[in-house]
C-alpha atoms as a PDB file:
ATOM      1  CA  MET A   1     -60.609  52.441  41.145  1.00  0.00           C
ATOM      2  CA  ALA A   2     -57.890  54.877  40.592  1.00  0.00           C
ATOM      3  CA  LYS A   3     -57.874  58.291  42.302  1.00  0.00           C
ATOM      4  CA  TYR A   4     -56.247  61.426  40.746  1.00  0.00           C
ATOM      5  CA  GLY A   5     -54.224  64.196  42.713  1.00  0.00           C
ATOM      6  CA  ILE A   6     -52.597  67.106  41.578  1.00  0.00           C
ATOM      7  CA  LYS A   7     -48.810  67.867  41.838  1.00  0.00           C
ATOM      8  CA  ILE A   8     -48.151  71.726  42.283  1.00  0.00           C
ATOM      9  CA  THR A   9     -44.890  73.350  40.987  1.00  0.00           C
ATOM     10  CA  TYR A  10     -44.490  76.780  40.843  1.00  0.00           C
ATOM     11  CA  SER A  11     -42.652  78.523  37.987  1.00  0.00           C
ATOM     12  CA  ASN A  12     -39.327  79.210  40.623  1.00  0.00           C
ATOM     13  CA  GLY A  13     -39.328  75.543  41.032  1.00  0.00           C
ATOM     14  CA  ASP A  14     -40.894  75.333  44.402  1.00  0.00           C
ATOM     15  CA  GLU A  15     -43.248  72.399  44.937  1.00  0.00           C
ATOM     16  CA  GLU A  16     -46.111  71.984  47.284  1.00  0.00           C
ATOM     17  CA  ASP A  17     -45.799  68.682  49.586  1.00  0.00           C
ATOM     18  CA  GLY A  18     -48.319  66.219  48.539  1.00  0.00           C
ATOM     19  CA  LEU A  19     -50.828  66.179  46.329  1.00  0.00           C
ATOM     20  CA  TYR A  20     -53.986  68.334  46.042  1.00  0.00           C
ATOM     21  CA  GLY A  21     -57.430  66.949  45.621  1.00  0.00           C
ATOM     22  CA  ASN A  22     -58.472  63.235  45.736  1.00  0.00           C
ATOM     23  CA  PHE A  23     -60.323  63.049  42.036  1.00  0.00           C
ATOM     24  CA  ALA A  24     -62.100  60.303  40.464  1.00  0.00           C
ATOM     25  CA  SER A  25     -61.069  61.004  36.664  1.00  0.00           C
ATOM     26  CA  LYS A  26     -58.267  62.581  35.043  1.00  0.00           C
ATOM     27  CA  GLU A  27     -61.166  64.922  33.552  1.00  0.00           C
ATOM     28  CA  GLU A  28     -62.018  66.026  37.080  1.00  0.00           C
ATOM     29  CA  ALA A  29     -58.517  66.821  38.054  1.00  0.00           C
ATOM     30  CA  PHE A  30     -58.028  68.907  34.891  1.00  0.00           C
ATOM     31  CA  LYS A  31     -61.059  70.590  35.213  1.00  0.00           C
ATOM     32  CA  GLU A  32     -59.588  71.615  38.969  1.00  0.00           C
ATOM     33  CA  ILE A  33     -56.236  72.766  37.348  1.00  0.00           C
ATOM     34  CA  CYS A  34     -58.112  75.273  35.216  1.00  0.00           C
ATOM     35  CA  VAL A  35     -60.195  76.554  37.813  1.00  0.00           C
ATOM     36  CA  LEU A  36     -57.092  76.739  40.273  1.00  0.00           C
ATOM     37  CA  ALA A  37     -55.250  78.278  37.380  1.00  0.00           C
ATOM     38  CA  VAL A  38     -57.974  81.193  36.788  1.00  0.00           C
ATOM     39  CA  LYS A  39     -58.009  81.852  40.554  1.00  0.00           C
ATOM     40  CA  GLU A  40     -54.535  82.264  40.677  1.00  0.00           C
ATOM     41  CA  ALA A  41     -54.567  84.873  37.838  1.00  0.00           C
ATOM     42  CA  GLY A  42     -56.919  86.702  40.410  1.00  0.00           C
ATOM     43  CA  ALA A  43     -60.198  86.325  38.204  1.00  0.00           C
ATOM     44  CA  ASP A  44     -63.626  84.543  39.168  1.00  0.00           C
ATOM     45  CA  ALA A  45     -64.019  81.008  37.483  1.00  0.00           C
ATOM     46  CA  SER A  46     -67.537  80.960  38.021  1.00  0.00           C
ATOM     47  CA  VAL A  47     -68.456  81.439  34.731  1.00  0.00           C
ATOM     48  CA  GLN A  48     -65.919  79.344  33.140  1.00  0.00           C
ATOM     49  CA  ALA A  49     -67.314  76.640  35.317  1.00  0.00           C
ATOM     50  CA  GLU A  50     -70.636  77.163  34.787  1.00  0.00           C
ATOM     51  CA  MET A  51     -69.814  77.146  30.860  1.00  0.00           C
ATOM     52  CA  LEU A  52     -68.128  74.102  31.295  1.00  0.00           C
ATOM     53  CA  ALA A  53     -70.734  72.358  33.104  1.00  0.00           C
ATOM     54  CA  ASP A  54     -73.398  73.486  30.374  1.00  0.00           C
ATOM     55  CA  ILE A  55     -71.198  72.072  27.606  1.00  0.00           C
ATOM     56  CA  SER A  56     -70.612  68.715  29.176  1.00  0.00           C
ATOM     57  CA  GLY A  57     -74.199  68.377  29.808  1.00  0.00           C
ATOM     58  CA  LEU A  58     -74.759  69.129  26.300  1.00  0.00           C
ATOM     59  CA  LEU A  59     -72.226  66.821  24.706  1.00  0.00           C
ATOM     60  CA  THR A  60     -74.025  64.078  27.337  1.00  0.00           C
ATOM     61  CA  GLU A  61     -77.084  64.894  25.765  1.00  0.00           C
ATOM     62  CA  THR A  62     -75.632  64.723  22.048  1.00  0.00           C
ATOM     63  CA  LYS A  63     -74.004  61.409  22.862  1.00  0.00           C
ATOM     64  CA  ALA A  64     -77.378  59.639  23.884  1.00  0.00           C
ATOM     65  CA  ALA A  65     -79.057  61.114  21.303  1.00  0.00           C
ATOM     66  CA  LEU A  66     -76.509  60.033  18.594  1.00  0.00           C
ATOM     67  CA  LYS A  67     -76.762  56.542  20.035  1.00  0.00           C
ATOM     68  CA  LYS A  68     -80.414  56.666  19.695  1.00  0.00           C
ATOM     69  CA  LEU A  69     -80.417  57.748  16.140  1.00  0.00           C
ATOM     70  CA  GLU A  70     -77.864  54.867  15.484  1.00  0.00           C
ATOM     71  CA  ALA A  71     -80.061  52.461  16.902  1.00  0.00           C
ATOM     72  CA  VAL A  72     -83.208  53.423  14.897  1.00  0.00           C
ATOM     73  CA  THR A  73     -81.392  54.056  11.693  1.00  0.00           C
ATOM     74  CA  GLU A  74     -80.213  50.559  12.182  1.00  0.00           C
ATOM     75  CA  GLU A  75     -83.641  49.183  12.857  1.00  0.00           C
ATOM     76  CA  ALA A  76     -85.111  51.043   9.900  1.00  0.00           C
ATOM     77  CA  ALA A  77     -82.545  49.252   7.542  1.00  0.00           C
ATOM     78  CA  GLY A  78     -84.307  46.213   8.393  1.00  0.00           C
ATOM     79  CA  LYS A  79     -87.787  46.801   7.827  1.00  0.00           C
ATOM     80  CA  GLU A  80     -89.656  45.895   4.848  1.00  0.00           C
ATOM     81  CA  GLU A  81     -88.980  48.272   1.941  1.00  0.00           C
ATOM     82  CA  GLY A  82     -91.865  50.620   1.092  1.00  0.00           C
ATOM     83  CA  LYS A  83     -94.722  51.891   3.274  1.00  0.00           C
ATOM     84  CA  VAL A  84     -93.524  49.997   6.632  1.00  0.00           C
ATOM     85  CA  GLN A  85     -90.227  51.218   6.299  1.00  0.00           C
ATOM     86  CA  SER A  86     -91.161  54.707   5.143  1.00  0.00           C
ATOM     87  CA  GLU A  87     -93.520  55.042   8.241  1.00  0.00           C
ATOM     88  CA  PHE A  88     -90.676  53.781  10.632  1.00  0.00           C
ATOM     89  CA  TYR A  89     -88.385  56.739   9.105  1.00  0.00           C
ATOM     90  CA  HIS A  90     -91.177  59.188   9.626  1.00  0.00           C
ATOM     91  CA  PHE A  91     -92.232  58.212  13.135  1.00  0.00           C
ATOM     92  CA  SER A  92     -88.882  57.177  14.627  1.00  0.00           C
ATOM     93  CA  VAL A  93     -85.619  57.984  12.446  1.00  0.00           C
ATOM     94  CA  VAL A  94     -86.912  61.592  12.041  1.00  0.00           C
ATOM     95  CA  PRO A  95     -87.648  62.477  15.769  1.00  0.00           C
ATOM     96  CA  ALA A  96     -84.197  60.952  16.978  1.00  0.00           C
ATOM     97  CA  MET A  97     -82.502  63.073  14.143  1.00  0.00           C
ATOM     98  CA  GLU A  98     -84.428  66.057  15.688  1.00  0.00           C
ATOM     99  CA  GLY A  99     -83.255  64.938  19.393  1.00  0.00           C
ATOM    100  CA  LEU A 100     -79.889  64.887  18.102  1.00  0.00           C
ATOM    101  CA  ARG A 101     -80.185  68.164  16.800  1.00  0.00           C
ATOM    102  CA  THR A 102     -81.450  70.077  19.814  1.00  0.00           C
ATOM    103  CA  PRO A 103     -78.189  69.932  21.809  1.00  0.00           C
ATOM    104  CA  VAL A 104     -75.801  70.274  18.714  1.00  0.00           C
ATOM    105  CA  ASP A 105     -77.661  73.449  17.871  1.00  0.00           C
ATOM    106  CA  GLU A 106     -76.967  74.445  21.441  1.00  0.00           C
ATOM    107  CA  LEU A 107     -73.511  73.796  21.399  1.00  0.00           C
ATOM    108  CA  GLU A 108     -73.076  75.378  17.788  1.00  0.00           C
ATOM    109  CA  MET A 109     -73.883  78.810  19.729  1.00  0.00           C
ATOM    110  CA  ILE A 110     -71.321  77.944  22.407  1.00  0.00           C
ATOM    111  CA  VAL A 111     -68.540  76.587  20.685  1.00  0.00           C
ATOM    112  CA  ASP A 112     -66.032  78.820  18.492  1.00  0.00           C
ATOM    113  CA  LYS A 113     -66.479  78.458  14.965  1.00  0.00           C
ATOM    114  CA  GLU A 114     -62.732  77.729  14.530  1.00  0.00           C
ATOM    115  CA  VAL A 115     -63.083  74.672  16.535  1.00  0.00           C
ATOM    116  CA  TRP A 116     -66.237  73.181  15.512  1.00  0.00           C
ATOM    117  CA  PRO A 117     -66.160  70.054  13.353  1.00  0.00           C
ATOM    118  CA  MET A 118     -69.206  70.528  11.169  1.00  0.00           C
ATOM    119  CA  PRO A 119     -70.802  73.180   9.001  1.00  0.00           C
ATOM    120  CA  SER A 120     -72.814  75.518  10.469  1.00  0.00           C
ATOM    121  CA  TYR A 121     -76.125  76.115   9.553  1.00  0.00           C
ATOM    122  CA  GLY A 122     -75.152  79.475   7.842  1.00  0.00           C
ATOM    123  CA  ASP A 123     -72.213  77.837   6.234  1.00  0.00           C
ATOM    124  CA  LEU A 124     -74.801  75.506   4.752  1.00  0.00           C
ATOM    125  CA  LEU A 125     -76.802  78.351   3.507  1.00  0.00           C
ATOM    126  CA  PHE A 126     -74.329  80.744   2.094  1.00  0.00           C
ATOM    127  CA  GLU A 127     -71.203  78.845   1.408  1.00  0.00           C
ATOM    128  CA  VAL A 128     -72.343  75.433  -0.257  1.00  0.00           C
END
């Protein structure tokens, strides 16, 4: 498995010897670069790190809930039309939709509207 490090170069051209850190992924290395930049600016990075962890957790929940919704929706399409299919939608698909909505609603409150890829609840109510 590849390991990643951070090469530090200062604005005056000076470089640190070797690599900083030993990270399992580019994402972990990038997160550390962000934390280092905030610390270098003299700020406390704990709030940003906590928000990043919260958002990452919600994205993980969203991905899992979407995968479940896709699976039950595909299963619903194969059910006998009529009562059997409608009951499956009621008892399986609708709860999976609600399971997806929960983390997405939380993300919507955190992520800036300018980068949010979907219409917000307010957009649906007042701009449609």
